N, C-alpha and C. Protein backbone atom coordinates (compact mmCIF):
# COMPACT_ATOMS: atom_id res chain seq x y z
N UNK A 1 -16.40 -31.77 -6.77
CA UNK A 1 -15.23 -31.71 -7.00
C UNK A 1 -14.36 -30.66 -7.52
N UNK A 2 -13.40 -30.14 -6.00
CA UNK A 2 -12.83 -29.05 -5.97
C UNK A 2 -12.42 -28.58 -6.80
N UNK A 3 -11.89 -27.66 -7.78
CA UNK A 3 -11.20 -27.08 -8.32
C UNK A 3 -9.36 -26.42 -7.53
N UNK A 4 -8.63 -27.37 -7.79
CA UNK A 4 -7.55 -26.81 -7.05
C UNK A 4 -6.95 -25.21 -7.75
N UNK A 5 -5.75 -25.34 -7.19
CA UNK A 5 -4.84 -24.44 -7.50
C UNK A 5 -3.80 -24.46 -8.83
N UNK A 6 -4.00 -23.75 -9.57
CA UNK A 6 -3.04 -24.16 -11.08
C UNK A 6 -1.75 -23.32 -10.69
N UNK A 7 -0.21 -23.97 -10.76
CA UNK A 7 0.66 -22.85 -10.63
C UNK A 7 0.82 -22.19 -11.63
N UNK A 8 1.33 -20.44 -11.48
CA UNK A 8 1.14 -19.70 -12.37
C UNK A 8 2.64 -19.84 -12.60
N UNK A 9 4.11 -19.61 -13.49
CA UNK A 9 5.54 -18.93 -13.47
C UNK A 9 5.16 -17.43 -14.00
N UNK A 10 6.22 -16.99 -13.14
CA UNK A 10 6.85 -15.93 -13.69
C UNK A 10 5.27 -14.31 -13.87
N UNK A 11 4.73 -14.41 -13.13
CA UNK A 11 3.57 -13.30 -12.36
C UNK A 11 4.47 -12.25 -11.51
N UNK A 12 4.59 -11.21 -11.41
CA UNK A 12 4.74 -10.23 -10.91
C UNK A 12 4.25 -9.97 -10.08
N UNK A 13 4.59 -9.30 -8.82
CA UNK A 13 3.47 -9.55 -7.25
C UNK A 13 4.39 -8.42 -7.01
N UNK A 14 4.00 -7.27 -6.93
CA UNK A 14 5.10 -6.45 -5.81
C UNK A 14 4.08 -6.14 -5.18
N UNK A 15 5.44 -5.15 -3.99
CA UNK A 15 4.56 -5.20 -2.53
C UNK A 15 3.38 -3.89 -2.61
N UNK A 16 3.11 -3.52 -3.98
CA UNK A 16 1.88 -3.08 -3.64
C UNK A 16 -0.06 -3.08 -4.13
N UNK A 17 1.25 -4.60 -5.02
CA UNK A 17 0.12 -5.50 -4.86
C UNK A 17 -0.32 -6.59 -4.58
N UNK A 18 0.64 -7.23 -3.70
CA UNK A 18 0.05 -7.76 -2.57
C UNK A 18 -0.48 -6.72 -1.65
N UNK A 19 -0.37 -5.73 -1.15
CA UNK A 19 -1.18 -4.44 -0.32
C UNK A 19 -2.80 -4.18 -1.03
N UNK A 20 -2.68 -4.37 -2.24
CA UNK A 20 -4.15 -3.84 -2.82
C UNK A 20 -5.58 -4.79 -2.45
N UNK A 21 -4.94 -6.05 -1.94
CA UNK A 21 -5.51 -6.58 -2.04
C UNK A 21 -6.57 -6.90 -0.29
N UNK A 22 -5.95 -5.90 0.50
CA UNK A 22 -6.65 -5.28 1.94
C UNK A 22 -7.65 -4.19 1.68
N UNK A 23 -7.54 -4.05 0.46
CA UNK A 23 -9.20 -3.14 -0.84
C UNK A 23 -10.29 -3.66 -0.27
N UNK A 24 -10.11 -5.30 -1.41
CA UNK A 24 -10.96 -5.64 -1.38
C UNK A 24 -12.51 -5.85 -0.57
N UNK A 25 -13.63 -5.72 -0.81
CA UNK A 25 -14.89 -6.10 -0.65
C UNK A 25 -15.75 -7.64 -0.89
N UNK A 26 -16.06 -7.66 0.50
CA UNK A 26 -17.29 -9.08 0.08
C UNK A 26 -18.01 -8.66 -1.34
N UNK A 27 -18.75 -8.93 -1.16
CA UNK A 27 -19.94 -8.86 -3.23
C UNK A 27 -21.01 -10.13 -2.45
N UNK A 28 -20.91 -10.70 -1.17
CA UNK A 28 -22.01 -11.59 -0.92
C UNK A 28 -22.24 -11.13 0.99
N UNK A 29 -22.27 -12.40 2.05
CA UNK A 29 -22.59 -11.74 3.15
C UNK A 29 -21.60 -11.75 4.30
N UNK A 30 -20.71 -12.40 3.25
CA UNK A 30 -19.37 -13.31 4.20
C UNK A 30 -18.50 -11.36 4.64
N UNK A 31 -17.98 -11.69 5.79
CA UNK A 31 -17.49 -10.55 6.27
C UNK A 31 -16.83 -10.36 5.52
N UNK A 32 -15.64 -8.83 5.03
CA UNK A 32 -14.21 -8.75 4.46
C UNK A 32 -13.70 -10.04 5.15
N UNK A 33 -13.66 -9.48 6.13
CA UNK A 33 -11.83 -10.69 6.30
C UNK A 33 -11.54 -11.67 6.02
N UNK A 34 -12.63 -12.32 5.79
CA UNK A 34 -12.98 -13.70 5.24
C UNK A 34 -12.91 -13.40 4.28
N UNK A 35 -12.69 -12.72 3.25
CA UNK A 35 -13.29 -12.53 1.89
C UNK A 35 -12.07 -12.29 1.81
N UNK A 36 -11.24 -10.99 1.96
CA UNK A 36 -10.03 -10.52 1.90
C UNK A 36 -9.15 -11.57 1.91
N UNK A 37 -8.87 -12.72 3.35
CA UNK A 37 -7.77 -13.83 2.76
C UNK A 37 -8.17 -15.08 2.12
N UNK A 38 -9.03 -15.43 1.64
CA UNK A 38 -10.07 -16.27 0.65
C UNK A 38 -9.52 -15.94 -0.71
N UNK A 39 -10.16 -14.26 -1.04
CA UNK A 39 -9.50 -13.96 -2.02
C UNK A 39 -7.32 -14.19 -2.90
N UNK A 40 -6.80 -13.30 -1.42
CA UNK A 40 -5.11 -13.60 -1.86
C UNK A 40 -4.96 -15.23 -1.57
N UNK A 41 -5.52 -15.75 -1.12
CA UNK A 41 -5.23 -17.64 -0.92
C UNK A 41 -5.52 -17.68 -2.51
N UNK A 42 -6.77 -17.21 -2.74
CA UNK A 42 -6.77 -17.96 -4.26
C UNK A 42 -5.99 -17.48 -5.92
N UNK A 43 -5.10 -15.88 -4.76
CA UNK A 43 -4.86 -15.23 -6.34
C UNK A 43 -3.42 -15.14 -6.54
N UNK A 44 -2.99 -15.60 -5.27
CA UNK A 44 -1.17 -15.11 -5.40
C UNK A 44 -0.72 -16.93 -4.80
N UNK A 45 0.96 -16.63 -4.72
CA UNK A 45 1.58 -17.43 -4.83
C UNK A 45 1.98 -18.12 -3.42
N UNK A 46 2.55 -18.86 -2.87
CA UNK A 46 2.43 -18.67 -1.16
C UNK A 46 3.76 -18.00 0.00
N UNK A 47 4.75 -17.85 -1.45
CA UNK A 47 4.97 -16.82 -0.16
C UNK A 47 5.05 -14.41 -1.39
N UNK A 48 4.28 -14.87 -1.62
CA UNK A 48 3.24 -13.39 -1.68
C UNK A 48 2.35 -13.38 -0.52
N UNK A 49 1.39 -14.76 -0.72
CA UNK A 49 0.33 -14.13 0.80
C UNK A 49 0.50 -14.67 1.75
N UNK A 50 2.12 -15.43 2.63
CA UNK A 50 2.79 -15.06 3.65
C UNK A 50 2.95 -13.65 4.13
N UNK A 51 3.78 -12.73 2.65
CA UNK A 51 4.09 -11.42 3.17
C UNK A 51 2.33 -10.31 3.42
N UNK A 52 1.47 -11.32 2.67
CA UNK A 52 0.43 -10.73 2.25
C UNK A 52 -0.22 -10.70 3.82
N UNK A 53 -0.37 -11.78 4.42
CA UNK A 53 -0.52 -12.39 6.22
C UNK A 53 0.00 -11.27 6.86
N UNK A 54 0.82 -11.25 6.51
CA UNK A 54 2.16 -9.60 8.09
C UNK A 54 1.23 -8.79 7.39
N UNK A 55 0.87 -7.91 6.12
CA UNK A 55 0.22 -6.77 6.09
C UNK A 55 -0.87 -6.89 6.59
N UNK A 56 -1.59 -7.83 6.94
CA UNK A 56 -2.67 -8.10 7.22
C UNK A 56 -2.87 -8.28 8.69
N UNK A 57 -2.27 -8.63 9.22
CA UNK A 57 -2.08 -8.84 10.75
C UNK A 57 -2.15 -6.72 11.03
N UNK A 58 -0.84 -6.39 10.53
CA UNK A 58 -0.73 -5.22 10.98
C UNK A 58 -1.92 -4.09 10.40
N UNK A 59 -2.29 -4.71 9.52
CA UNK A 59 -3.61 -3.61 9.55
C UNK A 59 -4.88 -4.03 10.80
N UNK A 60 -4.47 -5.14 11.22
CA UNK A 60 -5.49 -5.20 13.19
C UNK A 60 -7.09 -5.76 12.19
N UNK A 61 -6.39 -6.79 11.17
CA UNK A 61 -7.63 -7.28 10.58
C UNK A 61 -7.95 -8.70 11.51
N UNK A 62 -8.51 -9.39 11.46
CA UNK A 62 -8.98 -11.07 11.65
C UNK A 62 -8.81 -12.33 10.91
N UNK A 63 -7.73 -13.37 11.22
CA UNK A 63 -7.31 -14.28 10.80
C UNK A 63 -8.25 -15.59 10.79
N UNK A 64 -8.97 -14.85 11.76
CA UNK A 64 -10.44 -15.79 12.21
C UNK A 64 -11.57 -15.53 11.78
N UNK A 65 -11.58 -14.87 11.01
CA UNK A 65 -12.60 -14.30 10.50
C UNK A 65 -13.64 -15.91 9.83
N UNK A 66 -14.94 -15.94 10.04
CA UNK A 66 -15.40 -16.34 9.12
C UNK A 66 -16.44 -16.66 8.83
N UNK A 67 -16.79 -17.39 7.18
CA UNK A 67 -18.43 -16.72 6.59
C UNK A 67 -19.49 -16.90 6.95
N UNK A 68 -20.14 -17.08 6.30
CA UNK A 68 -21.46 -17.54 6.80
C UNK A 68 -21.54 -18.53 7.43
N UNK A 69 -21.19 -19.42 7.36
CA UNK A 69 -21.48 -21.09 7.76
C UNK A 69 -20.45 -21.27 8.78
N UNK A 70 -19.49 -20.15 8.81
CA UNK A 70 -18.73 -20.70 10.26
C UNK A 70 -17.67 -20.89 9.81
N UNK A 71 -16.89 -21.14 9.09
CA UNK A 71 -15.98 -21.98 8.84
C UNK A 71 -14.80 -20.72 8.54
N UNK A 72 -13.67 -20.74 8.60
CA UNK A 72 -12.53 -19.33 8.77
C UNK A 72 -11.71 -20.35 7.00
N UNK A 73 -10.81 -19.36 6.80
CA UNK A 73 -10.08 -19.44 5.40
C UNK A 73 -9.68 -20.84 6.04
N UNK A 74 -8.91 -21.40 7.22
CA UNK A 74 -8.57 -22.32 7.54
C UNK A 74 -9.08 -23.47 7.04
N UNK A 75 -10.21 -23.76 7.50
CA UNK A 75 -11.12 -24.60 7.54
C UNK A 75 -11.50 -24.93 5.75
N UNK A 76 -11.82 -23.90 5.07
CA UNK A 76 -11.98 -24.25 3.52
C UNK A 76 -10.89 -24.92 3.03
N UNK A 77 -9.55 -24.56 3.12
CA UNK A 77 -8.44 -24.87 2.90
C UNK A 77 -8.12 -26.38 2.76
N UNK A 78 -8.10 -26.35 4.07
CA UNK A 78 -7.08 -27.54 4.39
C UNK A 78 -6.91 -28.78 3.79
N UNK A 79 -7.84 -28.85 3.15
CA UNK A 79 -8.58 -30.38 1.68
C UNK A 79 -8.03 -29.71 0.82
N UNK A 80 -7.35 -28.90 0.66
CA UNK A 80 -7.13 -28.47 -0.70
C UNK A 80 -5.38 -28.91 -1.48
N UNK A 81 -5.24 -29.73 -2.23
CA UNK A 81 -3.61 -30.72 -2.77
C UNK A 81 -3.31 -29.67 -1.92
N UNK A 82 -2.88 -28.71 -2.61
CA UNK A 82 -1.81 -27.73 -2.64
C UNK A 82 -1.71 -26.25 -1.87
N UNK A 83 -2.54 -26.42 -0.93
CA UNK A 83 -3.01 -26.01 0.43
C UNK A 83 -1.44 -25.23 1.19
N UNK A 84 -0.55 -26.37 1.88
CA UNK A 84 0.31 -26.66 2.51
C UNK A 84 1.20 -25.77 3.00
N UNK A 85 1.70 -24.87 2.51
CA UNK A 85 2.53 -23.43 2.76
C UNK A 85 1.35 -22.57 2.91
N UNK A 86 -0.17 -22.43 3.12
CA UNK A 86 -0.42 -21.37 2.87
C UNK A 86 -0.90 -21.77 4.25
N UNK A 87 -1.26 -22.61 4.61
CA UNK A 87 -2.22 -23.21 5.40
C UNK A 87 -0.29 -22.96 6.57
N UNK A 88 0.68 -23.09 6.70
CA UNK A 88 1.65 -23.22 7.59
C UNK A 88 1.67 -21.58 7.98
N UNK A 89 1.86 -20.08 6.17
CA UNK A 89 1.71 -19.58 6.58
C UNK A 89 0.64 -19.13 7.80
N UNK A 90 -0.66 -19.43 7.47
CA UNK A 90 -2.35 -19.07 8.48
C UNK A 90 -1.34 -19.34 9.64
N UNK A 91 -1.63 -20.39 10.25
CA UNK A 91 -1.46 -21.07 11.28
C UNK A 91 -0.03 -20.81 12.35
N UNK A 92 1.17 -20.06 11.40
CA UNK A 92 2.04 -19.64 12.19
C UNK A 92 1.74 -18.21 12.91
N UNK A 93 1.01 -17.05 11.87
CA UNK A 93 0.60 -16.18 12.01
C UNK A 93 -0.83 -16.21 13.35
N UNK A 94 -1.51 -17.29 13.14
CA UNK A 94 -2.45 -17.23 14.05
C UNK A 94 -1.87 -17.64 15.09
N UNK A 95 -1.07 -18.55 15.73
CA UNK A 95 -0.07 -18.60 17.06
C UNK A 95 0.56 -17.48 17.24
N UNK A 96 0.57 -16.51 16.78
CA UNK A 96 2.12 -15.50 17.19
C UNK A 96 0.68 -14.19 17.81
């Protein structure tokens, strides 16, 4: 059984805090770009994640980075119950 995202209310996400996720590094064998996207998804509200995707692509990062199993972040989150807005943000960015 997967742990699903819980709604967090009144959390402040400044632009600086959102951008700080670009500095996250993988602590396992997954590529940094995959790890950064997954951590942003796990940590941010959908609107902050959408903003982050812009910073991520502006930094020439790979939205299609895969984990050691060959899965993209989209593959990993596709079946998560509350992932809809996150998936939409990723798909919109990938298609641009």
